[in-house]
Amino acid sequence: MNDERIQQVIAIEKEAQQIQDAAVRDSEQLLMLANQEVDKIIEQAQKEARLAAQQLVAEAQAKEESTRILNEVEEKIKQAQNLSGKNFDRAVTYVLDRVIGKE
């Protein structure tokens, strides 16, 4: 009966070892899958961050370009106003000269 008990203990220990080995394999596989998933999440986050950064840069450049164009247009308007003011004075002088008969 002692041999029978020893065989049972050996069988139980063997089964316990198999269960432990399976658990170790499962945990290693789960760790590998978790690492792969983390890598995918990091890669996706990096893609999204790069895209967001590109959009921010594009928006900033567009605003900068708009500001530059607006400044140029305002300068041209000022120049046109100055020129039209000078031409207006000359036109008034011309008309007055014509009215009073200088030309």
Protein backbone atom coordinates (compact mmCIF):
# COMPACT_ATOMS: atom_id res chain seq x y z
CA MET A 1 0.00 0.00 0.00
CA ASN A 2 2.90 2.25 0.59
CA ASP A 3 4.05 1.82 -3.01
CA GLU A 4 0.58 2.69 -4.14
CA ARG A 5 0.64 5.90 -2.09
CA ILE A 6 4.09 6.76 -3.43
CA GLN A 7 2.86 6.22 -7.00
CA GLN A 8 -0.15 8.46 -6.30
CA VAL A 9 2.10 11.20 -4.88
CA ILE A 10 4.42 10.90 -7.89
CA ALA A 11 1.42 11.05 -10.24
CA ILE A 12 0.05 14.09 -8.41
CA GLU A 13 3.46 15.80 -8.50
CA LYS A 14 3.78 15.02 -12.22
CA GLU A 15 0.32 16.44 -12.86
CA ALA A 16 1.14 19.50 -10.75
CA GLN A 17 4.33 20.02 -12.77
CA GLN A 18 2.37 19.76 -16.03
CA ILE A 19 -0.17 22.28 -14.74
CA GLN A 20 2.63 24.60 -13.66
CA ASP A 21 4.39 24.24 -17.04
CA ALA A 22 1.13 24.98 -18.86
CA ALA A 23 0.56 28.01 -16.62
CA VAL A 24 4.06 29.29 -17.35
CA ARG A 25 3.53 28.83 -21.11
CA ASP A 26 0.15 30.56 -20.91
CA SER A 27 1.58 33.45 -18.92
CA GLU A 28 4.48 33.83 -21.37
CA GLN A 29 2.04 33.82 -24.28
CA LEU A 30 -0.21 36.34 -22.54
CA LEU A 31 2.79 38.55 -21.84
CA MET A 32 3.84 38.35 -25.48
CA LEU A 33 0.32 39.21 -26.66
CA ALA A 34 0.12 42.07 -24.17
CA ASN A 35 3.45 43.44 -25.39
CA GLN A 36 2.27 43.21 -29.00
CA GLU A 37 -0.93 45.04 -28.10
CA VAL A 38 1.03 47.73 -26.24
CA ASP A 39 3.28 48.14 -29.29
CA LYS A 40 0.22 48.55 -31.53
CA ILE A 41 -1.31 51.10 -29.16
CA ILE A 42 1.96 53.06 -28.97
CA GLU A 43 2.33 52.99 -32.75
CA GLN A 44 -1.24 54.21 -33.23
CA ALA A 45 -0.75 56.96 -30.64
CA GLN A 46 2.44 58.07 -32.39
CA LYS A 47 0.66 58.18 -35.75
CA GLU A 48 -2.15 60.23 -34.28
CA ALA A 49 0.32 62.56 -32.54
CA ARG A 50 2.27 63.07 -35.78
CA LEU A 51 -0.94 63.78 -37.68
CA ALA A 52 -2.11 66.24 -35.03
CA ALA A 53 1.28 67.95 -35.06
CA GLN A 54 1.20 68.22 -38.86
CA GLN A 55 -2.27 69.74 -38.71
CA LEU A 56 -1.19 72.25 -36.07
CA VAL A 57 1.84 73.22 -38.14
CA ALA A 58 -0.30 73.57 -41.26
CA GLU A 59 -2.81 75.73 -39.40
CA ALA A 60 -0.05 77.89 -37.96
CA GLN A 61 1.52 78.31 -41.39
CA ALA A 62 -1.86 79.18 -42.89
CA LYS A 63 -2.45 81.81 -40.19
CA GLU A 64 1.03 83.18 -40.70
CA GLU A 65 0.49 83.34 -44.47
CA SER A 66 -2.91 84.99 -43.98
CA THR A 67 -1.39 87.59 -41.68
CA ARG A 68 1.38 88.29 -44.19
CA ILE A 69 -1.10 88.68 -47.05
CA LEU A 70 -3.36 90.89 -44.93
CA ASN A 71 -0.41 93.12 -44.04
CA GLU A 72 0.55 93.39 -47.71
CA VAL A 73 -3.02 94.27 -48.70
CA GLU A 74 -3.29 96.89 -45.96
CA GLU A 75 -0.01 98.43 -47.13
CA LYS A 76 -1.26 98.53 -50.74
CA ILE A 77 -4.50 100.12 -49.56
CA LYS A 78 -2.55 102.82 -47.70
CA GLN A 79 -0.42 103.45 -50.78
CA ALA A 80 -3.52 103.67 -52.98
CA GLN A 81 -5.18 106.05 -50.52
CA ASN A 82 -2.09 108.27 -50.45
CA LEU A 83 -1.86 108.21 -54.23
CA SER A 84 -5.56 108.90 -54.67
CA GLY A 85 -5.32 111.79 -52.19
CA LYS A 86 -2.50 113.35 -54.20
CA ASN A 87 -4.35 112.75 -57.48
CA PHE A 88 -7.53 114.19 -55.99
CA ASP A 89 -5.69 117.39 -55.10
CA ARG A 90 -4.27 117.61 -58.63
CA ALA A 91 -7.68 116.87 -60.13
CA VAL A 92 -9.30 119.65 -58.07
CA THR A 93 -6.56 122.05 -59.10
CA TYR A 94 -7.01 121.06 -62.74
CA VAL A 95 -10.79 121.50 -62.60
CA LEU A 96 -10.47 124.86 -60.88
CA ASP A 97 -7.90 125.99 -63.42
CA ARG A 98 -10.26 124.96 -66.21
CA VAL A 99 -13.18 126.73 -64.60
CA ILE A 100 -11.36 129.96 -64.12
CA GLY A 101 -9.86 129.66 -67.56
CA LYS A 102 -6.18 129.11 -66.92
CA GLU A 103 -6.02 126.33 -69.50
